[in-house]
Every structure is written in structure tokens, then in C-alpha cells.
Amino acid sequence: GDGAPRNLEQFLMARRLVEAGVRVVTLNFGRWDFHSNNHSELKNTHLPWFDQGLSALIDDLYQRGMADDVAVVAWGEFGRTPQINKNAGRDHWTFCYSVMFAGAGIRGGTVYGTSDGEAAYVKDRPISPADICATIYECLGIDPEMHVPDAAGQPVKIRLAGRVIKDILA
């Protein structure tokens, strides 16, 4: 499809930016909002492209000896309904979602937390977006307890209310 080259080039560009010394790179592997034709869109385009690009990036970082210095995080802003809707799609769902971490002090192959049998609700060890951010700061060597000024100039902790997810760290 026409989106594959653009999406896959982002992963190569991310690696090149890291090699050049950039500390944080964000990729927008977009157009995932499948409220219809969810299965065919994911199977035929997005999942194969994402798998190819992300796995190549992670393999490449390890082969080049850069993985300890780079935190790779794959995360969306919400999950998807466990039920398929009338248009063969899945709608927005904030109660349960997945995050994938690699590199930068993450213990590979670790699964943290579980969902219920339908992946609708968190069953064990819930985490918040603030916890994910605090963990990213920790992996990047940024003290999650550090204070930064808010809009009014008052000091606030960079991690807000989050806690580092220590069980996934090496």
C-alpha cells in the first residue's frame, strides 16, 4: 500500500537521529483509528508494516550496541473496545490498553499486569499514563523526582503522580 514506505522510513530516520545524538525521537505511525473494517485493515497493512519497522529498529539498535542508550516505547493514547461494532471495527476504550518497552534498562520479555478474559478491564497490577511517563524518565536517566516550573513558575515534580514501574527494569 501507499502508506508502507512512509511509515517504514520513520524507523530508519529514528535510528539515524539517535546516531546523530538526538535524545528523544517520536514517531507517528498513524491512521490506526479503525472504526470499520478493523481486521482486514490491520492484517493487510498496519500490523505487518508496524511489525517489520519496529522489530528492525530494535534489532538494529541491539546490533549497533545502542540499545542501552535508547528507550523504545510503543503506546497509543487508548485501547480498543473488546467487542467488534456493527461496522466490523472497534471503538475507543480507555479502560485497558497495552504498552511495549524495549532497550534502556528494560528487562526483555517481561509481562507486567493482566487483563480480564475479554481484555476489557485491568485484572492485575494497573498502571497509569503517569506511571509510564515516570518509567520513561527513569530509563532516559531523568530523575522522576526532579522539579520543573509550571505555567505559573511554581515547582512541580516532572513525574506528576506517576511511579516508576520497577518490575520491568533490568
N, C-alpha and C. Protein backbone atom coordinates (compact mmCIF):
# COMPACT_ATOMS: atom_id res chain seq x y z
N GLY A 1 0.80 -1.18 0.00
CA GLY A 1 0.00 0.00 0.00
C GLY A 1 0.85 1.25 0.00
N ASP A 2 0.22 2.38 -0.19
CA ASP A 2 0.96 3.64 -0.30
C ASP A 2 1.50 4.15 1.02
N GLY A 3 1.00 3.70 2.16
CA GLY A 3 1.50 4.17 3.44
C GLY A 3 2.73 3.45 3.94
N ALA A 4 3.03 2.27 3.39
CA ALA A 4 4.15 1.48 3.90
C ALA A 4 5.49 2.18 3.81
N PRO A 5 5.91 2.68 2.66
CA PRO A 5 7.23 3.31 2.60
C PRO A 5 7.38 4.48 3.57
N ARG A 6 6.38 5.34 3.65
CA ARG A 6 6.45 6.50 4.55
C ARG A 6 6.55 6.05 6.00
N ASN A 7 5.74 5.09 6.38
CA ASN A 7 5.76 4.61 7.76
C ASN A 7 7.07 3.90 8.08
N LEU A 8 7.56 3.07 7.18
CA LEU A 8 8.79 2.33 7.44
C LEU A 8 10.01 3.24 7.45
N GLU A 9 10.00 4.28 6.64
CA GLU A 9 11.13 5.22 6.62
C GLU A 9 11.28 5.92 7.96
N GLN A 10 10.21 6.09 8.71
CA GLN A 10 10.30 6.73 10.02
C GLN A 10 11.22 5.97 10.97
N PHE A 11 11.18 4.65 10.91
CA PHE A 11 12.01 3.86 11.81
C PHE A 11 13.49 4.04 11.47
N LEU A 12 13.82 4.04 10.20
CA LEU A 12 15.20 4.28 9.79
C LEU A 12 15.64 5.69 10.18
N MET A 13 14.79 6.67 9.98
CA MET A 13 15.11 8.04 10.36
C MET A 13 15.32 8.14 11.87
N ALA A 14 14.52 7.44 12.64
CA ALA A 14 14.69 7.45 14.10
C ALA A 14 16.07 6.94 14.48
N ARG A 15 16.50 5.84 13.88
CA ARG A 15 17.82 5.30 14.18
C ARG A 15 18.90 6.29 13.80
N ARG A 16 18.77 6.93 12.65
CA ARG A 16 19.78 7.91 12.21
C ARG A 16 19.83 9.11 13.15
N LEU A 17 18.68 9.55 13.62
CA LEU A 17 18.65 10.67 14.56
C LEU A 17 19.34 10.31 15.88
N VAL A 18 19.09 9.10 16.37
CA VAL A 18 19.74 8.64 17.60
C VAL A 18 21.26 8.58 17.39
N GLU A 19 21.68 8.06 16.26
CA GLU A 19 23.12 8.02 15.95
C GLU A 19 23.73 9.41 15.95
N ALA A 20 22.96 10.40 15.54
CA ALA A 20 23.44 11.78 15.46
C ALA A 20 23.40 12.48 16.83
N GLY A 21 22.89 11.79 17.85
CA GLY A 21 22.90 12.35 19.20
C GLY A 21 21.58 12.91 19.69
N VAL A 22 20.52 12.79 18.91
CA VAL A 22 19.21 13.26 19.35
C VAL A 22 18.76 12.39 20.51
N ARG A 23 18.29 13.01 21.59
CA ARG A 23 17.93 12.27 22.81
C ARG A 23 16.51 11.72 22.81
N VAL A 24 15.58 12.37 22.12
CA VAL A 24 14.20 11.90 22.09
C VAL A 24 13.67 12.00 20.67
N VAL A 25 13.13 10.90 20.16
CA VAL A 25 12.54 10.86 18.83
C VAL A 25 11.13 10.29 18.97
N THR A 26 10.17 10.94 18.37
CA THR A 26 8.80 10.46 18.40
C THR A 26 8.37 10.10 16.98
N LEU A 27 7.81 8.92 16.81
CA LEU A 27 7.28 8.50 15.52
C LEU A 27 5.77 8.54 15.59
N ASN A 28 5.16 8.96 14.51
CA ASN A 28 3.70 8.93 14.42
C ASN A 28 3.34 7.90 13.36
N PHE A 29 3.13 6.69 13.81
CA PHE A 29 2.74 5.61 12.91
C PHE A 29 1.21 5.64 12.87
N GLY A 30 0.65 6.61 12.22
CA GLY A 30 -0.76 6.95 12.33
C GLY A 30 -1.72 6.13 11.51
N ARG A 31 -2.94 6.65 11.50
CA ARG A 31 -4.07 6.07 10.77
C ARG A 31 -4.48 4.71 11.33
N TRP A 32 -4.54 4.58 12.65
CA TRP A 32 -4.95 3.35 13.30
C TRP A 32 -6.40 3.38 13.73
N ASP A 33 -7.12 4.42 13.45
CA ASP A 33 -8.45 4.63 14.01
C ASP A 33 -9.50 3.87 13.21
N PHE A 34 -9.50 2.55 13.34
CA PHE A 34 -10.36 1.70 12.54
C PHE A 34 -11.70 1.43 13.22
N HIS A 35 -12.65 2.30 12.97
CA HIS A 35 -14.00 2.09 13.49
C HIS A 35 -14.79 1.19 12.54
N SER A 36 -14.18 0.83 11.42
CA SER A 36 -14.78 -0.11 10.48
C SER A 36 -13.67 -0.92 9.83
N ASN A 37 -13.99 -2.11 9.36
CA ASN A 37 -13.04 -3.00 8.68
C ASN A 37 -11.74 -3.19 9.46
N ASN A 38 -11.85 -3.31 10.76
CA ASN A 38 -10.69 -3.42 11.64
C ASN A 38 -9.76 -4.57 11.25
N HIS A 39 -10.30 -5.76 11.10
CA HIS A 39 -9.47 -6.95 10.86
C HIS A 39 -8.70 -6.85 9.56
N SER A 40 -9.37 -6.54 8.47
CA SER A 40 -8.68 -6.50 7.18
C SER A 40 -7.66 -5.38 7.12
N GLU A 41 -7.98 -4.21 7.67
CA GLU A 41 -7.02 -3.09 7.66
C GLU A 41 -5.77 -3.45 8.45
N LEU A 42 -5.95 -4.01 9.64
CA LEU A 42 -4.79 -4.36 10.46
C LEU A 42 -3.99 -5.50 9.84
N LYS A 43 -4.67 -6.53 9.39
CA LYS A 43 -3.98 -7.70 8.84
C LYS A 43 -3.22 -7.37 7.55
N ASN A 44 -3.80 -6.55 6.70
CA ASN A 44 -3.21 -6.32 5.38
C ASN A 44 -2.29 -5.12 5.29
N THR A 45 -2.33 -4.23 6.26
CA THR A 45 -1.48 -3.03 6.16
C THR A 45 -0.73 -2.76 7.46
N HIS A 46 -1.40 -2.23 8.42
CA HIS A 46 -0.74 -1.66 9.59
C HIS A 46 0.09 -2.64 10.41
N LEU A 47 -0.46 -3.79 10.76
CA LEU A 47 0.31 -4.70 11.61
C LEU A 47 1.56 -5.24 10.92
N PRO A 48 1.51 -5.68 9.67
CA PRO A 48 2.77 -6.11 9.03
C PRO A 48 3.79 -4.98 8.92
N TRP A 49 3.35 -3.76 8.59
CA TRP A 49 4.28 -2.64 8.48
C TRP A 49 4.88 -2.31 9.83
N PHE A 50 4.03 -2.24 10.85
CA PHE A 50 4.49 -1.90 12.19
C PHE A 50 5.46 -2.95 12.71
N ASP A 51 5.10 -4.23 12.55
CA ASP A 51 5.96 -5.32 13.00
C ASP A 51 7.32 -5.26 12.30
N GLN A 52 7.32 -5.07 11.01
CA GLN A 52 8.57 -5.01 10.25
C GLN A 52 9.43 -3.83 10.71
N GLY A 53 8.84 -2.67 10.82
CA GLY A 53 9.61 -1.48 11.19
C GLY A 53 10.10 -1.50 12.62
N LEU A 54 9.23 -1.83 13.57
CA LEU A 54 9.61 -1.82 14.97
C LEU A 54 10.63 -2.90 15.28
N SER A 55 10.41 -4.10 14.78
CA SER A 55 11.36 -5.18 15.06
C SER A 55 12.72 -4.89 14.42
N ALA A 56 12.73 -4.32 13.22
CA ALA A 56 14.00 -3.95 12.57
C ALA A 56 14.72 -2.87 13.37
N LEU A 57 13.98 -1.87 13.86
CA LEU A 57 14.59 -0.82 14.67
C LEU A 57 15.22 -1.39 15.93
N ILE A 58 14.49 -2.22 16.65
CA ILE A 58 15.01 -2.79 17.89
C ILE A 58 16.21 -3.70 17.60
N ASP A 59 16.11 -4.57 16.60
CA ASP A 59 17.25 -5.43 16.23
C ASP A 59 18.47 -4.58 15.88
N ASP A 60 18.24 -3.54 15.09
CA ASP A 60 19.33 -2.67 14.66
C ASP A 60 19.99 -1.97 15.84
N LEU A 61 19.21 -1.48 16.78
CA LEU A 61 19.77 -0.82 17.96
C LEU A 61 20.63 -1.78 18.77
N TYR A 62 20.19 -3.04 18.91
CA TYR A 62 20.98 -4.02 19.64
C TYR A 62 22.25 -4.38 18.87
N GLN A 63 22.14 -4.60 17.56
CA GLN A 63 23.31 -4.95 16.76
C GLN A 63 24.36 -3.85 16.76
N ARG A 64 23.96 -2.61 16.83
CA ARG A 64 24.88 -1.47 16.82
C ARG A 64 25.35 -1.09 18.22
N GLY A 65 24.91 -1.82 19.24
CA GLY A 65 25.31 -1.53 20.60
C GLY A 65 24.68 -0.27 21.17
N MET A 66 23.55 0.14 20.63
CA MET A 66 22.91 1.38 21.05
C MET A 66 21.69 1.15 21.95
N ALA A 67 21.27 -0.08 22.14
CA ALA A 67 20.01 -0.35 22.83
C ALA A 67 20.01 0.11 24.28
N ASP A 68 21.17 0.06 24.95
CA ASP A 68 21.20 0.51 26.34
C ASP A 68 20.97 2.00 26.48
N ASP A 69 21.19 2.75 25.41
CA ASP A 69 21.06 4.20 25.46
C ASP A 69 19.74 4.71 24.89
N VAL A 70 18.89 3.80 24.41
CA VAL A 70 17.67 4.20 23.73
C VAL A 70 16.48 3.48 24.36
N ALA A 71 15.47 4.24 24.76
CA ALA A 71 14.23 3.66 25.23
C ALA A 71 13.25 3.65 24.06
N VAL A 72 12.77 2.48 23.72
CA VAL A 72 11.77 2.35 22.66
C VAL A 72 10.44 2.06 23.35
N VAL A 73 9.45 2.89 23.05
CA VAL A 73 8.13 2.74 23.67
C VAL A 73 7.08 2.78 22.56
N ALA A 74 6.27 1.74 22.47
CA ALA A 74 5.15 1.72 21.52
C ALA A 74 3.87 1.79 22.35
N TRP A 75 3.11 2.89 22.12
CA TRP A 75 2.00 3.17 23.01
C TRP A 75 1.00 4.06 22.29
N GLY A 76 -0.25 3.74 22.39
CA GLY A 76 -1.29 4.60 21.85
C GLY A 76 -1.97 5.37 22.97
N GLU A 77 -2.87 6.24 22.61
CA GLU A 77 -3.49 7.07 23.64
C GLU A 77 -4.67 6.38 24.33
N PHE A 78 -5.09 5.24 23.84
CA PHE A 78 -6.16 4.48 24.47
C PHE A 78 -6.22 3.09 23.85
N GLY A 79 -7.03 2.22 24.43
CA GLY A 79 -7.23 0.89 23.89
C GLY A 79 -8.42 0.87 22.95
N ARG A 80 -8.85 -0.32 22.64
CA ARG A 80 -9.99 -0.53 21.74
C ARG A 80 -11.02 -1.42 22.41
N THR A 81 -12.27 -1.18 22.08
CA THR A 81 -13.35 -1.97 22.67
C THR A 81 -13.10 -3.46 22.42
N PRO A 82 -13.40 -4.27 23.41
CA PRO A 82 -13.23 -5.71 23.21
C PRO A 82 -14.23 -6.29 22.21
N GLN A 83 -15.34 -5.61 22.00
CA GLN A 83 -16.36 -6.09 21.07
C GLN A 83 -16.21 -5.38 19.72
N ILE A 84 -16.47 -6.14 18.67
CA ILE A 84 -16.48 -5.59 17.32
C ILE A 84 -17.81 -4.86 17.13
N ASN A 85 -17.78 -3.68 16.53
CA ASN A 85 -19.02 -2.92 16.33
C ASN A 85 -19.73 -3.38 15.05
N LYS A 86 -20.85 -2.74 14.74
CA LYS A 86 -21.67 -3.14 13.58
C LYS A 86 -20.98 -2.90 12.25
N ASN A 87 -19.90 -2.10 12.24
CA ASN A 87 -19.16 -1.83 11.01
C ASN A 87 -17.86 -2.64 10.91
N ALA A 88 -17.79 -3.71 11.69
CA ALA A 88 -16.61 -4.58 11.73
C ALA A 88 -15.37 -3.83 12.22
N GLY A 89 -15.59 -2.87 13.10
CA GLY A 89 -14.49 -2.10 13.67
C GLY A 89 -14.52 -2.15 15.18
N ARG A 90 -13.59 -1.43 15.78
CA ARG A 90 -13.52 -1.33 17.24
C ARG A 90 -13.42 0.15 17.59
N ASP A 91 -14.12 0.52 18.64
CA ASP A 91 -14.19 1.92 19.03
C ASP A 91 -13.19 2.21 20.17
N HIS A 92 -13.13 3.47 20.58
CA HIS A 92 -12.20 3.90 21.62
C HIS A 92 -12.57 3.25 22.95
N TRP A 93 -11.53 2.91 23.74
CA TRP A 93 -11.73 2.23 25.01
C TRP A 93 -10.61 2.65 25.94
N THR A 94 -10.92 3.32 27.02
CA THR A 94 -9.88 3.84 27.91
C THR A 94 -9.57 2.94 29.09
N PHE A 95 -10.28 1.83 29.24
CA PHE A 95 -10.17 1.03 30.45
C PHE A 95 -9.03 0.01 30.43
N CYS A 96 -8.50 -0.30 29.24
CA CYS A 96 -7.45 -1.31 29.16
C CYS A 96 -6.71 -1.12 27.84
N TYR A 97 -5.38 -1.07 27.91
CA TYR A 97 -4.57 -0.91 26.70
C TYR A 97 -3.19 -1.49 26.96
N SER A 98 -2.40 -1.57 25.93
CA SER A 98 -1.06 -2.16 26.03
C SER A 98 0.02 -1.13 25.75
N VAL A 99 1.19 -1.39 26.33
CA VAL A 99 2.39 -0.60 26.10
C VAL A 99 3.53 -1.57 25.93
N MET A 100 4.44 -1.28 24.98
CA MET A 100 5.61 -2.13 24.77
C MET A 100 6.85 -1.27 25.00
N PHE A 101 7.76 -1.75 25.87
CA PHE A 101 9.03 -1.10 26.14
C PHE A 101 10.17 -1.99 25.65
N ALA A 102 11.26 -1.38 25.21
CA ALA A 102 12.49 -2.12 24.88
C ALA A 102 13.68 -1.20 25.10
N GLY A 103 14.86 -1.80 25.30
CA GLY A 103 16.10 -1.04 25.44
C GLY A 103 16.18 -0.31 26.77
N ALA A 104 17.19 0.55 26.91
CA ALA A 104 17.40 1.49 28.02
C ALA A 104 17.08 0.95 29.40
N GLY A 105 17.55 -0.23 29.71
CA GLY A 105 17.35 -0.76 31.05
C GLY A 105 16.08 -1.55 31.26
N ILE A 106 15.34 -1.83 30.20
CA ILE A 106 14.13 -2.65 30.31
C ILE A 106 14.53 -4.12 30.28
N ARG A 107 13.95 -4.91 31.16
CA ARG A 107 14.20 -6.35 31.18
C ARG A 107 13.37 -6.99 30.07
N GLY A 108 14.03 -7.48 29.04
CA GLY A 108 13.34 -8.05 27.89
C GLY A 108 12.45 -9.22 28.25
N GLY A 109 11.34 -9.34 27.53
CA GLY A 109 10.43 -10.47 27.70
C GLY A 109 9.54 -10.37 28.93
N THR A 110 9.55 -9.26 29.62
CA THR A 110 8.76 -9.11 30.84
C THR A 110 7.33 -8.71 30.51
N VAL A 111 6.39 -9.40 31.11
CA VAL A 111 4.98 -9.02 31.00
C VAL A 111 4.57 -8.50 32.37
N TYR A 112 3.96 -7.34 32.38
CA TYR A 112 3.55 -6.71 33.63
C TYR A 112 2.05 -6.48 33.59
N GLY A 113 1.33 -7.03 34.55
CA GLY A 113 -0.11 -6.85 34.62
C GLY A 113 -0.88 -7.78 33.70
N THR A 114 -2.15 -7.90 33.98
CA THR A 114 -3.03 -8.73 33.16
C THR A 114 -4.39 -8.04 33.02
N SER A 115 -5.11 -8.49 32.00
CA SER A 115 -6.47 -8.02 31.81
C SER A 115 -7.43 -9.17 32.07
N ASP A 116 -8.69 -8.86 32.09
CA ASP A 116 -9.68 -9.92 32.21
C ASP A 116 -9.71 -10.74 30.92
N GLY A 117 -10.54 -11.76 30.86
CA GLY A 117 -10.58 -12.67 29.71
C GLY A 117 -10.98 -12.03 28.40
N GLU A 118 -11.62 -10.87 28.44
CA GLU A 118 -12.03 -10.19 27.22
C GLU A 118 -11.14 -8.99 26.88
N ALA A 119 -10.08 -8.78 27.67
CA ALA A 119 -9.21 -7.61 27.51
C ALA A 119 -10.01 -6.32 27.61
N ALA A 120 -11.01 -6.33 28.48
CA ALA A 120 -11.86 -5.16 28.66
C ALA A 120 -11.41 -4.31 29.84
N TYR A 121 -10.98 -4.96 30.91
CA TYR A 121 -10.59 -4.26 32.12
C TYR A 121 -9.30 -4.85 32.69
N VAL A 122 -8.55 -4.00 33.39
CA VAL A 122 -7.33 -4.45 34.04
C VAL A 122 -7.70 -5.37 35.19
N LYS A 123 -7.04 -6.52 35.25
CA LYS A 123 -7.31 -7.50 36.29
C LYS A 123 -6.26 -7.43 37.39
N ASP A 124 -4.99 -7.21 37.01
CA ASP A 124 -3.90 -7.27 37.97
C ASP A 124 -2.85 -6.20 37.66
N ARG A 125 -2.38 -5.51 38.66
CA ARG A 125 -1.30 -4.52 38.59
C ARG A 125 -1.57 -3.40 37.58
N PRO A 126 -2.59 -2.60 37.82
CA PRO A 126 -2.89 -1.49 36.91
C PRO A 126 -1.78 -0.44 36.93
N ILE A 127 -1.60 0.22 35.81
CA ILE A 127 -0.67 1.34 35.72
C ILE A 127 -1.40 2.52 35.07
N SER A 128 -0.85 3.69 35.24
CA SER A 128 -1.46 4.89 34.68
C SER A 128 -0.53 5.48 33.63
N PRO A 129 -1.03 6.38 32.79
CA PRO A 129 -0.13 7.09 31.87
C PRO A 129 1.01 7.80 32.61
N ALA A 130 0.73 8.33 33.80
CA ALA A 130 1.78 8.98 34.59
C ALA A 130 2.86 7.98 35.00
N ASP A 131 2.48 6.72 35.29
CA ASP A 131 3.46 5.68 35.62
C ASP A 131 4.35 5.39 34.41
N ILE A 132 3.76 5.34 33.23
CA ILE A 132 4.52 5.09 32.01
C ILE A 132 5.52 6.22 31.80
N CYS A 133 5.08 7.45 31.97
CA CYS A 133 5.98 8.60 31.80
C CYS A 133 7.11 8.58 32.82
N ALA A 134 6.79 8.30 34.09
CA ALA A 134 7.83 8.22 35.12
C ALA A 134 8.86 7.14 34.77
N THR A 135 8.40 6.03 34.23
CA THR A 135 9.30 4.94 33.84
C THR A 135 10.17 5.35 32.66
N ILE A 136 9.60 6.05 31.70
CA ILE A 136 10.39 6.56 30.57
C ILE A 136 11.47 7.50 31.07
N TYR A 137 11.11 8.43 31.98
CA TYR A 137 12.12 9.34 32.54
C TYR A 137 13.25 8.54 33.19
N GLU A 138 12.90 7.55 33.98
CA GLU A 138 13.90 6.73 34.66
C GLU A 138 14.83 6.06 33.64
N CYS A 139 14.25 5.49 32.58
CA CYS A 139 15.05 4.81 31.55
C CYS A 139 15.99 5.77 30.82
N LEU A 140 15.57 7.02 30.68
CA LEU A 140 16.39 8.01 30.00
C LEU A 140 17.37 8.71 30.93
N GLY A 141 17.39 8.30 32.21
CA GLY A 141 18.31 8.91 33.15
C GLY A 141 17.85 10.26 33.67
N ILE A 142 16.57 10.54 33.54
CA ILE A 142 15.99 11.78 34.06
C ILE A 142 15.32 11.45 35.38
N ASP A 143 15.73 12.10 36.44
CA ASP A 143 15.19 11.83 37.77
C ASP A 143 13.70 12.15 37.79
N PRO A 144 12.84 11.13 37.97
CA PRO A 144 11.39 11.40 38.00
C PRO A 144 10.98 12.30 39.16
N GLU A 145 11.85 12.47 40.16
CA GLU A 145 11.56 13.34 41.30
C GLU A 145 11.96 14.79 41.03
N MET A 146 12.63 15.02 39.89
CA MET A 146 13.07 16.37 39.55
C MET A 146 11.88 17.33 39.48
N HIS A 147 12.11 18.56 39.89
CA HIS A 147 11.09 19.58 39.82
C HIS A 147 11.33 20.49 38.62
N VAL A 148 10.26 20.85 37.93
CA VAL A 148 10.31 21.81 36.82
C VAL A 148 9.24 22.86 37.10
N PRO A 149 9.40 24.07 36.58
CA PRO A 149 8.38 25.09 36.83
C PRO A 149 7.12 24.86 36.00
N ASP A 150 5.97 25.07 36.61
CA ASP A 150 4.70 25.00 35.87
C ASP A 150 4.45 26.36 35.20
N ALA A 151 3.29 26.54 34.62
CA ALA A 151 2.99 27.77 33.88
C ALA A 151 3.07 29.02 34.76
N ALA A 152 2.85 28.84 36.06
CA ALA A 152 2.92 29.98 36.98
C ALA A 152 4.30 30.12 37.61
N GLY A 153 5.24 29.26 37.18
CA GLY A 153 6.60 29.33 37.73
C GLY A 153 6.79 28.56 39.02
N GLN A 154 5.77 27.84 39.45
CA GLN A 154 5.86 27.06 40.68
C GLN A 154 6.47 25.68 40.39
N PRO A 155 7.34 25.18 41.28
CA PRO A 155 7.97 23.87 41.03
C PRO A 155 6.98 22.71 41.19
N VAL A 156 6.98 21.81 40.20
CA VAL A 156 6.18 20.58 40.27
C VAL A 156 7.07 19.42 39.87
N LYS A 157 6.79 18.25 40.43
CA LYS A 157 7.55 17.06 40.05
C LYS A 157 7.27 16.72 38.60
N ILE A 158 8.32 16.38 37.87
CA ILE A 158 8.17 16.05 36.46
C ILE A 158 7.30 14.81 36.26
N ARG A 159 7.31 13.91 37.21
CA ARG A 159 6.55 12.66 37.08
C ARG A 159 5.09 12.83 37.43
N LEU A 160 4.69 14.01 37.87
CA LEU A 160 3.34 14.26 38.36
C LEU A 160 3.02 13.23 39.44
N ALA A 161 1.98 12.43 39.28
CA ALA A 161 1.61 11.45 40.30
C ALA A 161 2.10 10.05 39.95
N GLY A 162 2.90 9.91 38.91
CA GLY A 162 3.32 8.60 38.44
C GLY A 162 4.40 7.96 39.31
N ARG A 163 4.50 6.67 39.19
CA ARG A 163 5.55 5.92 39.88
C ARG A 163 6.29 5.09 38.84
N VAL A 164 7.57 4.89 39.04
CA VAL A 164 8.37 4.07 38.14
C VAL A 164 7.94 2.63 38.26
N ILE A 165 7.75 1.94 37.14
CA ILE A 165 7.35 0.52 37.14
C ILE A 165 8.63 -0.30 37.27
N LYS A 166 9.11 -0.46 38.48
CA LYS A 166 10.41 -1.08 38.75
C LYS A 166 10.48 -2.54 38.31
N ASP A 167 9.36 -3.24 38.30
CA ASP A 167 9.35 -4.66 37.95
C ASP A 167 9.72 -4.94 36.49
N ILE A 168 9.73 -3.92 35.62
CA ILE A 168 10.12 -4.16 34.23
C ILE A 168 11.56 -3.73 33.95
N LEU A 169 12.22 -3.18 34.97
CA LEU A 169 13.60 -2.72 34.77
C LEU A 169 14.59 -3.84 35.05
N ALA A 170 15.68 -3.85 34.29
CA ALA A 170 16.71 -4.89 34.47
C ALA A 170 17.48 -4.66 35.75
